Amino acid sequence: MKIQNINDVEGFFKIINECHGPVELISPEGDRINLKSKLSQYLSMATIFSNGYIRELEIVAHEREDIERLIKYMYQGE
């Protein structure tokens, strides 16, 4: 799934941390990065989110309720 227009990085990671299953960021090279890992979150914030805004990310969530949570965040910011 593609997540777009993320301007609240802390809120985004809060939603990721609430997910029950794995949530992975797909890099442009096809690598999968575990977004539930605190180390990955810090590295992502230092590189991908350095300007505080992300236009688009491709992520994979494995649990249905996590997908629904991420879709709700994308459309409602909650």
PDB file of N, CA and C in Angstrom:
ATOM      1  N   MET A   1       0.847  -1.161   0.000  1.00  0.00           N
ATOM      2  CA  MET A   1       0.000   0.000   0.000  1.00  0.00           C
ATOM      3  C   MET A   1       0.891   1.221   0.000  1.00  0.00           C
ATOM      4  N   LYS A   2       0.410   2.273  -0.614  1.00  0.00           N
ATOM      5  CA  LYS A   2       1.159   3.524  -0.632  1.00  0.00           C
ATOM      6  C   LYS A   2       0.506   4.492   0.343  1.00  0.00           C
ATOM      7  N   ILE A   3       1.330   5.084   1.181  1.00  0.00           N
ATOM      8  CA  ILE A   3       0.901   6.102   2.122  1.00  0.00           C
ATOM      9  C   ILE A   3       1.438   7.422   1.585  1.00  0.00           C
ATOM     10  N   GLN A   4       0.600   8.437   1.543  1.00  0.00           N
ATOM     11  CA  GLN A   4       1.016   9.708   0.962  1.00  0.00           C
ATOM     12  C   GLN A   4       0.844  10.861   1.933  1.00  0.00           C
ATOM     13  N   ASN A   5       1.652  11.894   1.702  1.00  0.00           N
ATOM     14  CA  ASN A   5       1.540  13.175   2.403  1.00  0.00           C
ATOM     15  C   ASN A   5       1.605  13.039   3.917  1.00  0.00           C
ATOM     16  N   ILE A   6       2.678  12.463   4.403  1.00  0.00           N
ATOM     17  CA  ILE A   6       2.888  12.327   5.840  1.00  0.00           C
ATOM     18  C   ILE A   6       3.588  13.584   6.336  1.00  0.00           C
ATOM     19  N   ASN A   7       2.904  14.348   7.167  1.00  0.00           N
ATOM     20  CA  ASN A   7       3.546  15.540   7.721  1.00  0.00           C
ATOM     21  C   ASN A   7       3.689  15.466   9.236  1.00  0.00           C
ATOM     22  N   ASP A   8       3.140  14.432   9.847  1.00  0.00           N
ATOM     23  CA  ASP A   8       3.285  14.206  11.282  1.00  0.00           C
ATOM     24  C   ASP A   8       4.026  12.882  11.481  1.00  0.00           C
ATOM     25  N   VAL A   9       5.348  12.962  11.475  1.00  0.00           N
ATOM     26  CA  VAL A   9       6.171  11.758  11.554  1.00  0.00           C
ATOM     27  C   VAL A   9       5.953  11.021  12.867  1.00  0.00           C
ATOM     28  N   GLU A  10       5.869  11.755  13.975  1.00  0.00           N
ATOM     29  CA  GLU A  10       5.638  11.112  15.277  1.00  0.00           C
ATOM     30  C   GLU A  10       4.294  10.406  15.304  1.00  0.00           C
ATOM     31  N   GLY A  11       3.267  11.028  14.756  1.00  0.00           N
ATOM     32  CA  GLY A  11       1.946  10.402  14.689  1.00  0.00           C
ATOM     33  C   GLY A  11       1.956   9.154  13.821  1.00  0.00           C
ATOM     34  N   PHE A  12       2.703   9.208  12.718  1.00  0.00           N
ATOM     35  CA  PHE A  12       2.829   8.055  11.832  1.00  0.00           C
ATOM     36  C   PHE A  12       3.460   6.882  12.568  1.00  0.00           C
ATOM     37  N   PHE A  13       4.559   7.123  13.290  1.00  0.00           N
ATOM     38  CA  PHE A  13       5.202   6.038  14.017  1.00  0.00           C
ATOM     39  C   PHE A  13       4.356   5.571  15.198  1.00  0.00           C
ATOM     40  N   LYS A  14       3.541   6.430  15.759  1.00  0.00           N
ATOM     41  CA  LYS A  14       2.631   6.010  16.826  1.00  0.00           C
ATOM     42  C   LYS A  14       1.650   4.969  16.273  1.00  0.00           C
ATOM     43  N   ILE A  15       1.109   5.235  15.083  1.00  0.00           N
ATOM     44  CA  ILE A  15       0.200   4.282  14.447  1.00  0.00           C
ATOM     45  C   ILE A  15       0.931   2.977  14.128  1.00  0.00           C
ATOM     46  N   ILE A  16       2.156   3.075  13.615  1.00  0.00           N
ATOM     47  CA  ILE A  16       2.951   1.875  13.322  1.00  0.00           C
ATOM     48  C   ILE A  16       3.149   1.049  14.588  1.00  0.00           C
ATOM     49  N   ASN A  17       3.476   1.703  15.694  1.00  0.00           N
ATOM     50  CA  ASN A  17       3.714   0.992  16.961  1.00  0.00           C
ATOM     51  C   ASN A  17       2.456   0.326  17.502  1.00  0.00           C
ATOM     52  N   GLU A  18       1.283   0.834  17.140  1.00  0.00           N
ATOM     53  CA  GLU A  18       0.021   0.238  17.581  1.00  0.00           C
ATOM     54  C   GLU A  18      -0.355  -0.995  16.766  1.00  0.00           C
ATOM     55  N   CYS A  19       0.293  -1.203  15.633  1.00  0.00           N
ATOM     56  CA  CYS A  19      -0.003  -2.365  14.798  1.00  0.00           C
ATOM     57  C   CYS A  19       0.448  -3.639  15.507  1.00  0.00           C
ATOM     58  N   HIS A  20      -0.308  -4.710  15.303  1.00  0.00           N
ATOM     59  CA  HIS A  20      -0.021  -5.982  15.972  1.00  0.00           C
ATOM     60  C   HIS A  20       0.990  -6.830  15.203  1.00  0.00           C
ATOM     61  N   GLY A  21       0.936  -6.791  13.907  1.00  0.00           N
ATOM     62  CA  GLY A  21       1.845  -7.585  13.080  1.00  0.00           C
ATOM     63  C   GLY A  21       2.971  -6.729  12.524  1.00  0.00           C
ATOM     64  N   PRO A  22       3.826  -7.340  11.703  1.00  0.00           N
ATOM     65  CA  PRO A  22       4.924  -6.592  11.101  1.00  0.00           C
ATOM     66  C   PRO A  22       4.422  -5.544  10.111  1.00  0.00           C
ATOM     67  N   VAL A  23       5.124  -4.434  10.061  1.00  0.00           N
ATOM     68  CA  VAL A  23       4.876  -3.383   9.073  1.00  0.00           C
ATOM     69  C   VAL A  23       6.231  -3.058   8.466  1.00  0.00           C
ATOM     70  N   GLU A  24       6.309  -3.161   7.148  1.00  0.00           N
ATOM     71  CA  GLU A  24       7.590  -2.997   6.477  1.00  0.00           C
ATOM     72  C   GLU A  24       7.538  -1.855   5.472  1.00  0.00           C
ATOM     73  N   LEU A  25       8.613  -1.104   5.423  1.00  0.00           N
ATOM     74  CA  LEU A  25       8.810  -0.070   4.420  1.00  0.00           C
ATOM     75  C   LEU A  25       9.513  -0.727   3.247  1.00  0.00           C
ATOM     76  N   ILE A  26       9.021  -0.492   2.041  1.00  0.00           N
ATOM     77  CA  ILE A  26       9.660  -1.020   0.846  1.00  0.00           C
ATOM     78  C   ILE A  26      10.501   0.103   0.243  1.00  0.00           C
ATOM     79  N   SER A  27      11.800  -0.118   0.182  1.00  0.00           N
ATOM     80  CA  SER A  27      12.700   0.899  -0.365  1.00  0.00           C
ATOM     81  C   SER A  27      12.592   0.916  -1.892  1.00  0.00           C
ATOM     82  N   PRO A  28      13.071   1.980  -2.523  1.00  0.00           N
ATOM     83  CA  PRO A  28      13.055   2.024  -3.998  1.00  0.00           C
ATOM     84  C   PRO A  28      13.824   0.856  -4.631  1.00  0.00           C
ATOM     85  N   GLU A  29      14.790   0.292  -3.892  1.00  0.00           N
ATOM     86  CA  GLU A  29      15.564  -0.841  -4.389  1.00  0.00           C
ATOM     87  C   GLU A  29      14.870  -2.178  -4.136  1.00  0.00           C
ATOM     88  N   GLY A  30      13.743  -2.163  -3.417  1.00  0.00           N
ATOM     89  CA  GLY A  30      13.000  -3.386  -3.125  1.00  0.00           C
ATOM     90  C   GLY A  30      13.312  -3.996  -1.776  1.00  0.00           C
ATOM     91  N   ASP A  31      14.186  -3.364  -0.990  1.00  0.00           N
ATOM     92  CA  ASP A  31      14.494  -3.866   0.349  1.00  0.00           C
ATOM     93  C   ASP A  31      13.299  -3.649   1.267  1.00  0.00           C
ATOM     94  N   ARG A  32      13.134  -4.531   2.229  1.00  0.00           N
ATOM     95  CA  ARG A  32      12.064  -4.411   3.225  1.00  0.00           C
ATOM     96  C   ARG A  32      12.678  -4.042   4.560  1.00  0.00           C
ATOM     97  N   ILE A  33      12.183  -2.950   5.139  1.00  0.00           N
ATOM     98  CA  ILE A  33      12.712  -2.430   6.399  1.00  0.00           C
ATOM     99  C   ILE A  33      11.603  -2.506   7.437  1.00  0.00           C
ATOM    100  N   ASN A  34      11.873  -3.184   8.542  1.00  0.00           N
ATOM    101  CA  ASN A  34      10.896  -3.357   9.613  1.00  0.00           C
ATOM    102  C   ASN A  34      10.654  -2.027  10.327  1.00  0.00           C
ATOM    103  N   LEU A  35       9.495  -1.426  10.112  1.00  0.00           N
ATOM    104  CA  LEU A  35       9.196  -0.131  10.726  1.00  0.00           C
ATOM    105  C   LEU A  35       8.816  -0.238  12.196  1.00  0.00           C
ATOM    106  N   LYS A  36       8.605  -1.433  12.705  1.00  0.00           N
ATOM    107  CA  LYS A  36       8.302  -1.569  14.129  1.00  0.00           C
ATOM    108  C   LYS A  36       9.568  -1.584  14.972  1.00  0.00           C
ATOM    109  N   SER A  37      10.709  -1.724  14.345  1.00  0.00           N
ATOM    110  CA  SER A  37      11.985  -1.695  15.040  1.00  0.00           C
ATOM    111  C   SER A  37      12.342  -0.250  15.384  1.00  0.00           C
ATOM    112  N   LYS A  38      12.671   0.006  16.635  1.00  0.00           N
ATOM    113  CA  LYS A  38      13.052   1.362  17.055  1.00  0.00           C
ATOM    114  C   LYS A  38      14.287   1.841  16.289  1.00  0.00           C
ATOM    115  N   LEU A  39      15.244   0.960  16.061  1.00  0.00           N
ATOM    116  CA  LEU A  39      16.435   1.341  15.311  1.00  0.00           C
ATOM    117  C   LEU A  39      16.060   1.763  13.895  1.00  0.00           C
ATOM    118  N   SER A  40      15.204   0.993  13.248  1.00  0.00           N
ATOM    119  CA  SER A  40      14.756   1.354  11.896  1.00  0.00           C
ATOM    120  C   SER A  40      14.005   2.674  11.896  1.00  0.00           C
ATOM    121  N   GLN A  41      13.206   2.918  12.934  1.00  0.00           N
ATOM    122  CA  GLN A  41      12.478   4.185  13.020  1.00  0.00           C
ATOM    123  C   GLN A  41      13.444   5.357  13.125  1.00  0.00           C
ATOM    124  N   TYR A  42      14.461   5.224  13.957  1.00  0.00           N
ATOM    125  CA  TYR A  42      15.435   6.311  14.104  1.00  0.00           C
ATOM    126  C   TYR A  42      16.199   6.550  12.809  1.00  0.00           C
ATOM    127  N   LEU A  43      16.599   5.463  12.159  1.00  0.00           N
ATOM    128  CA  LEU A  43      17.313   5.611  10.889  1.00  0.00           C
ATOM    129  C   LEU A  43      16.410   6.215   9.824  1.00  0.00           C
ATOM    130  N   SER A  44      15.151   5.802   9.795  1.00  0.00           N
ATOM    131  CA  SER A  44      14.202   6.352   8.826  1.00  0.00           C
ATOM    132  C   SER A  44      13.996   7.837   9.063  1.00  0.00           C
ATOM    133  N   MET A  45      13.870   8.214  10.316  1.00  0.00           N
ATOM    134  CA  MET A  45      13.667   9.622  10.630  1.00  0.00           C
ATOM    135  C   MET A  45      14.877  10.452  10.222  1.00  0.00           C
ATOM    136  N   ALA A  46      16.069   9.884  10.367  1.00  0.00           N
ATOM    137  CA  ALA A  46      17.291  10.621  10.037  1.00  0.00           C
ATOM    138  C   ALA A  46      17.480  10.778   8.535  1.00  0.00           C
ATOM    139  N   THR A  47      16.955   9.856   7.744  1.00  0.00           N
ATOM    140  CA  THR A  47      17.187   9.924   6.300  1.00  0.00           C
ATOM    141  C   THR A  47      15.918  10.276   5.528  1.00  0.00           C
ATOM    142  N   ILE A  48      14.942   9.416   5.571  1.00  0.00           N
ATOM    143  CA  ILE A  48      13.737   9.596   4.769  1.00  0.00           C
ATOM    144  C   ILE A  48      12.918  10.794   5.236  1.00  0.00           C
ATOM    145  N   PHE A  49      12.786  10.962   6.543  1.00  0.00           N
ATOM    146  CA  PHE A  49      11.924  12.008   7.080  1.00  0.00           C
ATOM    147  C   PHE A  49      12.705  13.256   7.486  1.00  0.00           C
ATOM    148  N   SER A  50      13.875  13.449   6.958  1.00  0.00           N
ATOM    149  CA  SER A  50      14.743  14.539   7.414  1.00  0.00           C
ATOM    150  C   SER A  50      14.120  15.920   7.262  1.00  0.00           C
ATOM    151  N   ASN A  51      13.259  16.123   6.273  1.00  0.00           N
ATOM    152  CA  ASN A  51      12.631  17.434   6.119  1.00  0.00           C
ATOM    153  C   ASN A  51      11.272  17.525   6.822  1.00  0.00           C
ATOM    154  N   GLY A  52      10.887  16.475   7.554  1.00  0.00           N
ATOM    155  CA  GLY A  52       9.638  16.484   8.313  1.00  0.00           C
ATOM    156  C   GLY A  52       8.392  16.213   7.491  1.00  0.00           C
ATOM    157  N   TYR A  53       8.547  15.854   6.230  1.00  0.00           N
ATOM    158  CA  TYR A  53       7.405  15.614   5.354  1.00  0.00           C
ATOM    159  C   TYR A  53       7.774  14.524   4.357  1.00  0.00           C
ATOM    160  N   ILE A  54       6.845  13.627   4.115  1.00  0.00           N
ATOM    161  CA  ILE A  54       7.054  12.588   3.112  1.00  0.00           C
ATOM    162  C   ILE A  54       5.905  12.638   2.121  1.00  0.00           C
ATOM    163  N   ARG A  55       6.256  12.677   0.860  1.00  0.00           N
ATOM    164  CA  ARG A  55       5.242  12.714  -0.185  1.00  0.00           C
ATOM    165  C   ARG A  55       4.594  11.349  -0.368  1.00  0.00           C
ATOM    166  N   GLU A  56       5.423  10.275  -0.371  1.00  0.00           N
ATOM    167  CA  GLU A  56       4.864   8.946  -0.601  1.00  0.00           C
ATOM    168  C   GLU A  56       5.801   7.866  -0.069  1.00  0.00           C
ATOM    169  N   LEU A  57       5.210   6.857   0.546  1.00  0.00           N
ATOM    170  CA  LEU A  57       5.930   5.669   1.023  1.00  0.00           C
ATOM    171  C   LEU A  57       5.170   4.433   0.570  1.00  0.00           C
ATOM    172  N   GLU A  58       5.894   3.376   0.301  1.00  0.00           N
ATOM    173  CA  GLU A  58       5.247   2.091   0.061  1.00  0.00           C
ATOM    174  C   GLU A  58       5.513   1.218   1.269  1.00  0.00           C
ATOM    175  N   ILE A  59       4.450   0.752   1.892  1.00  0.00           N
ATOM    176  CA  ILE A  59       4.587  -0.105   3.067  1.00  0.00           C
ATOM    177  C   ILE A  59       3.731  -1.354   2.899  1.00  0.00           C
ATOM    178  N   VAL A  60       4.095  -2.380   3.657  1.00  0.00           N
ATOM    179  CA  VAL A  60       3.350  -3.639   3.678  1.00  0.00           C
ATOM    180  C   VAL A  60       2.995  -3.936   5.122  1.00  0.00           C
ATOM    181  N   ALA A  61       1.713  -4.135   5.385  1.00  0.00           N
ATOM    182  CA  ALA A  61       1.241  -4.586   6.698  1.00  0.00           C
ATOM    183  C   ALA A  61       0.661  -5.985   6.486  1.00  0.00           C
ATOM    184  N   HIS A  62       0.884  -6.869   7.439  1.00  0.00           N
ATOM    185  CA  HIS A  62       0.503  -8.270   7.263  1.00  0.00           C
ATOM    186  C   HIS A  62      -0.821  -8.636   7.928  1.00  0.00           C
ATOM    187  N   GLU A  63      -1.291  -7.830   8.856  1.00  0.00           N
ATOM    188  CA  GLU A  63      -2.544  -8.128   9.555  1.00  0.00           C
ATOM    189  C   GLU A  63      -3.662  -7.229   9.028  1.00  0.00           C
ATOM    190  N   ARG A  64      -4.833  -7.807   8.834  1.00  0.00           N
ATOM    191  CA  ARG A  64      -5.964  -7.053   8.280  1.00  0.00           C
ATOM    192  C   ARG A  64      -6.296  -5.817   9.124  1.00  0.00           C
ATOM    193  N   GLU A  65      -6.317  -5.970  10.438  1.00  0.00           N
ATOM    194  CA  GLU A  65      -6.656  -4.823  11.292  1.00  0.00           C
ATOM    195  C   GLU A  65      -5.584  -3.735  11.215  1.00  0.00           C
ATOM    196  N   ASP A  66      -4.339  -4.127  10.974  1.00  0.00           N
ATOM    197  CA  ASP A  66      -3.273  -3.140  10.813  1.00  0.00           C
ATOM    198  C   ASP A  66      -3.454  -2.365   9.505  1.00  0.00           C
ATOM    199  N   ILE A  67      -3.845  -3.069   8.451  1.00  0.00           N
ATOM    200  CA  ILE A  67      -4.118  -2.409   7.174  1.00  0.00           C
ATOM    201  C   ILE A  67      -5.244  -1.402   7.350  1.00  0.00           C
ATOM    202  N   GLU A  68      -6.302  -1.811   8.038  1.00  0.00           N
ATOM    203  CA  GLU A  68      -7.424  -0.902   8.281  1.00  0.00           C
ATOM    204  C   GLU A  68      -6.987   0.301   9.107  1.00  0.00           C
ATOM    205  N   ARG A  69      -6.136   0.090  10.105  1.00  0.00           N
ATOM    206  CA  ARG A  69      -5.626   1.176  10.944  1.00  0.00           C
ATOM    207  C   ARG A  69      -4.817   2.169  10.096  1.00  0.00           C
ATOM    208  N   LEU A  70      -3.975   1.648   9.218  1.00  0.00           N
ATOM    209  CA  LEU A  70      -3.151   2.510   8.365  1.00  0.00           C
ATOM    210  C   LEU A  70      -3.992   3.276   7.346  1.00  0.00           C
ATOM    211  N   ILE A  71      -5.010   2.637   6.806  1.00  0.00           N
ATOM    212  CA  ILE A  71      -5.909   3.327   5.871  1.00  0.00           C
ATOM    213  C   ILE A  71      -6.653   4.438   6.590  1.00  0.00           C
ATOM    214  N   LYS A  72      -7.132   4.170   7.792  1.00  0.00           N
ATOM    215  CA  LYS A  72      -7.814   5.202   8.585  1.00  0.00           C
ATOM    216  C   LYS A  72      -6.870   6.368   8.854  1.00  0.00           C
ATOM    217  N   TYR A  73      -5.618   6.078   9.187  1.00  0.00           N
ATOM    218  CA  TYR A  73      -4.639   7.136   9.415  1.00  0.00           C
ATOM    219  C   TYR A  73      -4.437   7.963   8.136  1.00  0.00           C
ATOM    220  N   MET A  74      -4.334   7.279   7.018  1.00  0.00           N
ATOM    221  CA  MET A  74      -4.077   7.957   5.759  1.00  0.00           C
ATOM    222  C   MET A  74      -5.224   8.912   5.409  1.00  0.00           C
ATOM    223  N   TYR A  75      -6.457   8.488   5.626  1.00  0.00           N
ATOM    224  CA  TYR A  75      -7.603   9.309   5.239  1.00  0.00           C
ATOM    225  C   TYR A  75      -8.072  10.275   6.311  1.00  0.00           C
ATOM    226  N   GLN A  76      -7.892   9.904   7.570  1.00  0.00           N
ATOM    227  CA  GLN A  76      -8.427  10.737   8.649  1.00  0.00           C
ATOM    228  C   GLN A  76      -7.363  11.323   9.550  1.00  0.00           C
ATOM    229  N   GLY A  77      -6.130  10.881   9.410  1.00  0.00           N
ATOM    230  CA  GLY A  77      -5.055  11.389  10.256  1.00  0.00           C
ATOM    231  C   GLY A  77      -5.152  10.912  11.698  1.00  0.00           C
ATOM    232  N   GLU A  78      -5.813   9.773  11.918  1.00  0.00           N
ATOM    233  CA  GLU A  78      -6.007   9.244  13.281  1.00  0.00           C
ATOM    234  C   GLU A  78      -5.338   7.902  13.418  1.00  0.00           C
TER     235      GLU A  78
END
